Amino acid sequence: MMAAPPPLLGESPAFHAALAHVSRVAPLERPVLVIGERGTGKELIAARLHYLSRRWDRPFVKVNCAALPESLLDSELFGHEAGAFTGATRRQIGRIEQADGGTLFLDEIATASPAVQEKLLRAVEYGEIERVGGRTAMVDVRVVGATNGDLPALAEAGRFRADLLDRLAFDVVTLPPLRARPEDVALLAGHFALAMARELGRPLFPGFTDAALEALQGHEWPGNVRELRNAVERSVAAAEPDAPVAAIILDPFASPWRPQPTRLPVEPPPEPAPPRPDDAPGGLLEELRAFEAGKLRAALERHRFNQRQTADALGLGYHQLRGMLKKHGLIG
């Protein structure tokens, strides 16, 4: 029997259009990107893509790329061989191999480092992964990526691989924010409130007052459905069990005794150094050296200290760049 996709509630045209898009692309054996603001339900949509596909009875594996530094994300995704690094006493199978035959959901994929992106490209393009330590393996995985960032803009700025974006963006599902779904606010609020009343052991949920409904409809919900759920649940928990919810607690930090931020004294800016002639010690040549070192340092940081990418971006050869980095003491 086919597993049911997670419930998704909504009656607005924008939400129905997004669900129709998901139903259309779910059966296709291709990567998909899910784009949306925080709290719009990207993980639920990824799960729906999996359970409405032919892979529904295979693993659905989730990885939050923003939760791990580069070295750990590499090992978590691709696994490692025994002895690959200190503490690696045995082979570990990565999340991609765990998802073999199923779906891999990469949340916050825009935060992955260039090195991880390069290995992901090979996995998506050829089904080949390389464990940390050198061994390769073949996998059959459908990748669903999610982000709240502008991936085309990041690719244009050199902060996301354009070739990986081309492969992942076979289709893109863009989720509407809650402010574009005003018809769904009361429906979702009632659903969350009833679930919270049951969790609290209350026999029924007596509803919202007109003022509370007006507050729900009038809020912008920058945190979208997640923010709505939190606000409704805390408001139900704070209300009298047998009375309708009269007040929506939008800001749990609101209090007359809320600590104020400490204001640090502002120091006056330093006096500018007097001008000196260009041929004086520390004059023009020193300024040029400082400018060159600053440009090199900024380019290294922009490309996450990948020297080959930095050299390409600056129009330099790899060994030419290394010579300049040594000149300015930026590498040993």
Protein backbone atom coordinates (compact mmCIF):
# COMPACT_ATOMS: atom_id res chain seq x y z
CA MET A 1 0.00 0.00 0.00
CA MET A 2 1.35 3.39 -1.00
CA ALA A 3 2.49 5.65 1.86
CA ALA A 4 0.43 8.82 2.14
CA PRO A 5 2.28 12.09 1.52
CA PRO A 6 2.33 14.47 4.49
CA PRO A 7 -0.82 16.60 4.89
CA LEU A 8 -0.70 20.06 3.33
CA LEU A 9 -3.60 22.38 4.09
CA GLY A 10 -4.74 25.30 1.98
CA GLU A 11 -7.53 26.60 -0.24
CA SER A 12 -5.88 29.58 -1.91
CA PRO A 13 -5.30 29.54 -5.69
CA ALA A 14 -1.56 30.18 -5.20
CA PHE A 15 -1.24 27.16 -2.91
CA HIS A 16 -3.28 24.91 -5.19
CA ALA A 17 -1.11 25.93 -8.14
CA ALA A 18 2.02 24.95 -6.21
CA LEU A 19 0.52 21.55 -5.29
CA ALA A 20 -0.49 20.95 -8.90
CA HIS A 21 3.09 21.71 -9.94
CA VAL A 22 4.38 19.18 -7.39
CA SER A 23 1.97 16.49 -8.63
CA ARG A 24 3.10 17.10 -12.20
CA VAL A 25 6.83 16.84 -11.54
CA ALA A 26 6.81 14.16 -8.80
CA PRO A 27 6.70 11.13 -11.16
CA LEU A 28 9.67 12.35 -13.21
CA GLU A 29 13.08 10.83 -12.44
CA ARG A 30 14.80 14.22 -12.41
CA PRO A 31 16.25 16.61 -9.79
CA VAL A 32 13.97 19.34 -8.45
CA LEU A 33 14.61 22.58 -6.58
CA VAL A 34 12.12 23.82 -3.99
CA ILE A 35 12.39 27.57 -3.44
CA GLY A 36 10.60 29.55 -0.77
CA GLU A 37 10.92 31.85 2.22
CA ARG A 38 11.63 30.38 5.64
CA GLY A 39 8.66 28.60 7.14
CA THR A 40 6.81 27.97 3.86
CA GLY A 41 7.01 24.17 4.12
CA LYS A 42 9.87 23.26 1.77
CA GLU A 43 10.60 20.00 3.59
CA LEU A 44 6.93 18.96 3.40
CA ILE A 45 6.95 19.63 -0.34
CA ALA A 46 10.15 17.58 -0.75
CA ALA A 47 8.50 14.70 1.11
CA ARG A 48 5.44 14.99 -1.14
CA LEU A 49 7.67 14.83 -4.22
CA HIS A 50 9.15 11.61 -2.85
CA TYR A 51 5.91 9.89 -1.81
CA LEU A 52 4.17 10.73 -5.08
CA SER A 53 7.06 9.27 -7.09
CA ARG A 54 7.93 5.71 -8.05
CA ARG A 55 10.50 5.80 -5.25
CA TRP A 56 7.82 6.14 -2.54
CA ASP A 57 8.76 2.83 -0.86
CA ARG A 58 12.50 3.55 -0.87
CA PRO A 59 14.48 5.74 1.57
CA PHE A 60 13.75 9.45 1.94
CA VAL A 61 16.96 10.87 3.44
CA LYS A 62 17.24 14.47 4.69
CA VAL A 63 20.40 16.55 5.16
CA ASN A 64 20.57 20.16 6.35
CA CYS A 65 23.63 21.56 4.57
CA ALA A 66 23.73 24.64 6.81
CA ALA A 67 24.01 22.61 10.01
CA LEU A 68 27.49 21.19 9.35
CA PRO A 69 30.90 22.69 8.49
CA GLU A 70 32.44 21.73 5.14
CA SER A 71 34.57 18.80 6.35
CA LEU A 72 31.72 17.19 8.30
CA LEU A 73 29.20 17.80 5.51
CA ASP A 74 31.53 16.08 3.04
CA SER A 75 31.83 13.01 5.27
CA GLU A 76 28.12 13.06 6.15
CA LEU A 77 27.06 13.12 2.50
CA PHE A 78 29.67 10.91 0.87
CA GLY A 79 30.87 8.76 3.77
CA HIS A 80 34.48 7.90 4.53
CA GLU A 81 36.89 5.01 4.49
CA ALA A 82 38.61 3.63 7.56
CA GLY A 83 41.71 5.71 8.27
CA ALA A 84 40.59 8.62 6.08
CA PHE A 85 41.20 11.00 8.99
CA THR A 86 41.95 10.89 12.71
CA GLY A 87 39.20 9.00 14.48
CA ALA A 88 37.89 7.25 11.34
CA THR A 89 38.31 3.71 12.66
CA ARG A 90 35.87 2.08 10.22
CA ARG A 91 34.08 2.74 6.96
CA GLN A 92 31.00 4.92 7.22
CA ILE A 93 28.30 4.95 4.55
CA GLY A 94 27.20 8.49 3.72
CA ARG A 95 23.69 9.85 3.39
CA ILE A 96 23.79 9.64 -0.42
CA GLU A 97 24.45 5.89 -0.31
CA GLN A 98 21.78 5.52 2.38
CA ALA A 99 19.32 7.10 -0.08
CA ASP A 100 20.25 4.69 -2.88
CA GLY A 101 17.10 3.93 -4.86
CA GLY A 102 15.22 6.72 -3.12
CA THR A 103 15.32 10.48 -2.65
CA LEU A 104 17.95 12.72 -1.06
CA PHE A 105 16.62 16.03 0.30
CA LEU A 106 19.32 18.71 0.62
CA ASP A 107 17.96 21.57 2.68
CA GLU A 108 19.78 24.93 2.55
CA ILE A 109 21.77 23.67 -0.43
CA ALA A 110 23.04 27.19 -1.18
CA THR A 111 25.31 26.98 1.90
CA ALA A 112 27.30 23.98 0.60
CA SER A 113 30.98 24.74 -0.05
CA PRO A 114 32.44 24.76 -3.59
CA ALA A 115 34.23 21.47 -2.91
CA VAL A 116 31.02 19.76 -1.79
CA GLN A 117 29.15 21.27 -4.73
CA GLU A 118 31.72 19.80 -7.13
CA LYS A 119 31.25 16.31 -5.67
CA LEU A 120 27.46 16.74 -5.70
CA LEU A 121 27.60 17.63 -9.39
CA ARG A 122 29.31 14.33 -10.14
CA ALA A 123 26.75 12.45 -8.07
CA VAL A 124 23.84 14.12 -9.86
CA GLU A 125 25.40 13.92 -13.33
CA TYR A 126 26.90 10.43 -13.29
CA GLY A 127 25.55 8.72 -10.16
CA GLU A 128 29.13 8.43 -8.87
CA ILE A 129 30.28 9.43 -5.41
CA GLU A 130 33.72 9.51 -3.83
CA ARG A 131 34.01 8.69 -0.15
CA VAL A 132 36.47 10.68 1.94
CA GLY A 133 39.56 8.55 1.64
CA GLY A 134 39.35 7.88 -2.09
CA ARG A 135 36.99 4.96 -2.78
CA THR A 136 34.19 5.51 -5.32
CA ALA A 137 30.72 3.98 -5.52
CA MET A 138 27.72 4.16 -7.86
CA VAL A 139 24.31 5.25 -6.59
CA ASP A 140 20.81 5.79 -7.95
CA VAL A 141 19.43 8.80 -6.10
CA ARG A 142 16.95 11.51 -6.96
CA VAL A 143 18.10 14.84 -5.50
CA VAL A 144 15.65 17.46 -4.24
CA GLY A 145 17.32 20.67 -3.11
CA ALA A 146 15.77 23.51 -1.13
CA THR A 147 16.80 27.06 -0.32
CA ASN A 148 15.41 30.46 0.54
CA GLY A 149 18.21 32.12 -1.43
CA ASP A 150 18.40 33.38 -5.01
CA LEU A 151 20.46 30.62 -6.62
CA PRO A 152 20.76 32.27 -10.08
CA ALA A 153 22.10 35.42 -8.41
CA LEU A 154 24.52 33.36 -6.30
CA ALA A 155 25.72 31.56 -9.42
CA GLU A 156 26.18 34.89 -11.21
CA ALA A 157 28.29 36.10 -8.27
CA GLY A 158 30.42 32.93 -8.33
CA ARG A 159 29.10 31.69 -4.99
CA PHE A 160 27.24 28.67 -6.41
CA ARG A 161 28.34 26.41 -9.24
CA ALA A 162 26.43 27.32 -12.40
CA ASP A 163 26.81 23.80 -13.81
CA LEU A 164 25.35 22.27 -10.63
CA LEU A 165 22.48 24.75 -10.77
CA ASP A 166 21.81 23.75 -14.38
CA ARG A 167 21.52 20.08 -13.36
CA LEU A 168 19.41 20.66 -10.23
CA ALA A 169 17.01 23.09 -11.91
CA PHE A 170 15.36 20.55 -14.20
CA ASP A 171 12.23 21.93 -12.53
CA VAL A 172 11.76 24.52 -9.83
CA VAL A 173 8.82 24.59 -7.42
CA THR A 174 8.42 28.04 -5.88
CA LEU A 175 6.25 28.15 -2.76
CA PRO A 176 4.03 31.18 -2.10
CA PRO A 177 4.52 32.99 1.23
CA LEU A 178 1.61 33.01 3.68
CA ARG A 179 0.86 36.68 2.90
CA ALA A 180 -0.04 35.51 -0.62
CA ARG A 181 -2.47 32.97 0.89
CA PRO A 182 -4.84 35.08 3.04
CA GLU A 183 -7.63 32.53 2.57
CA ASP A 184 -5.54 29.91 4.36
CA VAL A 185 -4.69 31.79 7.57
CA ALA A 186 -7.90 30.95 9.46
CA LEU A 187 -7.93 27.37 8.15
CA LEU A 188 -4.34 26.72 9.26
CA ALA A 189 -4.87 28.51 12.59
CA GLY A 190 -7.87 26.31 13.37
CA HIS A 191 -5.90 23.16 12.48
CA PHE A 192 -2.96 24.10 14.71
CA ALA A 193 -5.25 25.22 17.55
CA LEU A 194 -7.22 21.95 17.55
CA ALA A 195 -4.01 19.90 17.60
CA MET A 196 -2.68 21.98 20.51
CA ALA A 197 -5.93 21.59 22.47
CA ARG A 198 -5.67 17.81 22.06
CA GLU A 199 -2.04 17.88 23.17
CA LEU A 200 -3.11 19.76 26.31
CA GLY A 201 -5.79 17.14 27.01
CA ARG A 202 -8.70 19.53 26.48
CA PRO A 203 -11.98 17.95 25.31
CA LEU A 204 -12.61 20.62 22.68
CA PHE A 205 -11.33 23.82 21.13
CA PRO A 206 -13.87 26.63 21.58
CA GLY A 207 -12.51 28.73 18.70
CA PHE A 208 -11.20 32.28 18.30
CA THR A 209 -12.91 35.55 19.08
CA ASP A 210 -13.51 38.01 16.26
CA ALA A 211 -10.69 40.19 17.58
CA ALA A 212 -8.28 37.24 17.57
CA LEU A 213 -9.23 36.31 14.01
CA GLU A 214 -8.74 39.92 12.98
CA ALA A 215 -5.25 39.88 14.54
CA LEU A 216 -4.41 36.68 12.68
CA GLN A 217 -5.59 38.08 9.36
CA GLY A 218 -3.89 41.44 9.88
CA HIS A 219 -0.38 40.12 10.60
CA GLU A 220 2.19 39.93 7.78
CA TRP A 221 3.68 36.58 8.95
CA PRO A 222 7.30 37.07 7.85
CA GLY A 223 8.01 33.60 9.29
CA ASN A 224 5.11 32.16 7.27
CA VAL A 225 3.35 28.94 8.35
CA ARG A 226 5.97 28.12 11.01
CA GLU A 227 5.46 31.50 12.67
CA LEU A 228 1.67 31.11 12.47
CA ARG A 229 1.83 27.70 14.13
CA ASN A 230 4.01 28.97 16.98
CA ALA A 231 1.76 31.97 17.58
CA VAL A 232 -1.43 29.88 17.59
CA GLU A 233 -0.02 27.16 19.85
CA ARG A 234 1.29 29.60 22.46
CA SER A 235 -1.99 31.54 22.37
CA VAL A 236 -4.07 28.39 22.89
CA ALA A 237 -1.79 27.29 25.74
CA ALA A 238 -2.17 30.70 27.44
CA ALA A 239 -5.97 30.89 27.02
CA GLU A 240 -8.61 29.64 29.46
CA PRO A 241 -9.48 26.03 28.56
CA ASP A 242 -13.24 26.63 28.11
CA ALA A 243 -13.14 30.10 26.55
CA PRO A 244 -12.42 31.15 22.95
CA VAL A 245 -8.90 32.40 22.34
CA ALA A 246 -9.20 36.18 22.67
CA ALA A 247 -5.56 37.27 22.32
CA ILE A 248 -2.94 36.18 19.80
CA ILE A 249 0.55 36.31 21.28
CA LEU A 250 2.58 37.35 18.24
CA ASP A 251 5.73 38.38 20.10
CA PRO A 252 6.68 36.17 23.07
CA PHE A 253 9.40 38.67 24.00
CA ALA A 254 6.96 41.55 24.48
CA SER A 255 7.25 42.75 28.09
CA PRO A 256 7.71 46.11 29.85
CA TRP A 257 10.66 44.50 31.65
CA ARG A 258 12.40 43.27 28.55
CA PRO A 259 16.14 44.04 28.92
CA GLN A 260 17.34 46.86 26.74
CA PRO A 261 20.41 46.40 24.55
CA THR A 262 23.62 47.69 26.09
CA ARG A 263 24.83 50.81 24.32
CA LEU A 264 28.60 50.85 24.04
CA PRO A 265 30.36 54.21 23.96
CA VAL A 266 31.24 55.30 20.45
CA GLU A 267 34.93 56.08 20.07
CA PRO A 268 35.85 59.01 17.84
CA PRO A 269 37.46 58.02 14.54
CA PRO A 270 41.26 58.16 14.50
CA GLU A 271 42.93 61.26 13.16
CA PRO A 272 43.92 60.84 9.50
CA ALA A 273 47.64 60.48 8.89
CA PRO A 274 49.26 63.54 7.31
CA PRO A 275 49.96 63.16 3.58
CA ARG A 276 53.50 62.28 2.61
CA PRO A 277 55.33 62.42 -0.70
CA ASP A 278 55.09 59.36 -2.94
CA ASP A 279 58.82 58.75 -2.82
CA ALA A 280 59.00 58.88 1.00
CA PRO A 281 59.49 55.58 2.91
CA GLY A 282 56.11 53.87 3.11
CA GLY A 283 54.68 56.08 0.37
CA LEU A 284 53.26 54.96 -2.98
CA LEU A 285 55.02 51.57 -3.10
CA GLU A 286 53.70 50.61 0.33
CA GLU A 287 50.19 51.68 -0.65
CA LEU A 288 50.39 49.57 -3.82
CA ARG A 289 51.60 46.54 -1.87
CA ALA A 290 48.78 46.96 0.65
CA PHE A 291 46.23 47.32 -2.15
CA GLU A 292 47.51 44.19 -3.90
CA ALA A 293 47.48 42.17 -0.65
CA GLY A 294 43.95 43.35 0.12
CA LYS A 295 42.69 42.31 -3.32
CA LEU A 296 44.29 38.89 -2.97
CA ARG A 297 42.89 38.37 0.53
CA ALA A 298 39.38 39.39 -0.55
CA ALA A 299 39.46 37.09 -3.58
CA LEU A 300 40.63 34.17 -1.43
CA GLU A 301 37.79 34.71 1.05
CA ARG A 302 35.23 35.09 -1.75
CA HIS A 303 36.28 31.70 -3.18
CA ARG A 304 36.59 30.05 0.26
CA PHE A 305 40.41 29.85 -0.03
CA ASN A 306 40.29 27.63 -3.12
CA GLN A 307 43.47 28.79 -4.83
CA ARG A 308 42.65 27.46 -8.30
CA GLN A 309 39.26 29.19 -8.35
CA THR A 310 40.87 32.35 -6.98
CA ALA A 311 43.52 32.28 -9.72
CA ASP A 312 40.89 31.82 -12.43
CA ALA A 313 38.78 34.68 -11.04
CA LEU A 314 41.79 37.04 -11.01
CA GLY A 315 43.01 35.98 -14.46
CA LEU A 316 46.24 34.55 -13.05
CA GLY A 317 47.99 31.24 -13.44
CA TYR A 318 47.94 28.92 -10.41
CA HIS A 319 51.71 29.18 -9.76
CA GLN A 320 51.63 32.92 -10.45
CA LEU A 321 48.97 33.32 -7.76
CA ARG A 322 50.93 31.21 -5.27
CA GLY A 323 54.01 33.35 -5.84
CA MET A 324 52.03 36.51 -5.09
CA LEU A 325 50.46 34.94 -1.99
CA LYS A 326 53.91 34.01 -0.67
CA LYS A 327 55.17 37.50 -1.45
CA HIS A 328 52.52 39.00 0.80
CA GLY A 329 52.75 36.34 3.50
CA LEU A 330 49.25 35.00 2.83
CA ILE A 331 50.49 31.40 2.67
CA GLY A 332 53.46 29.70 4.24
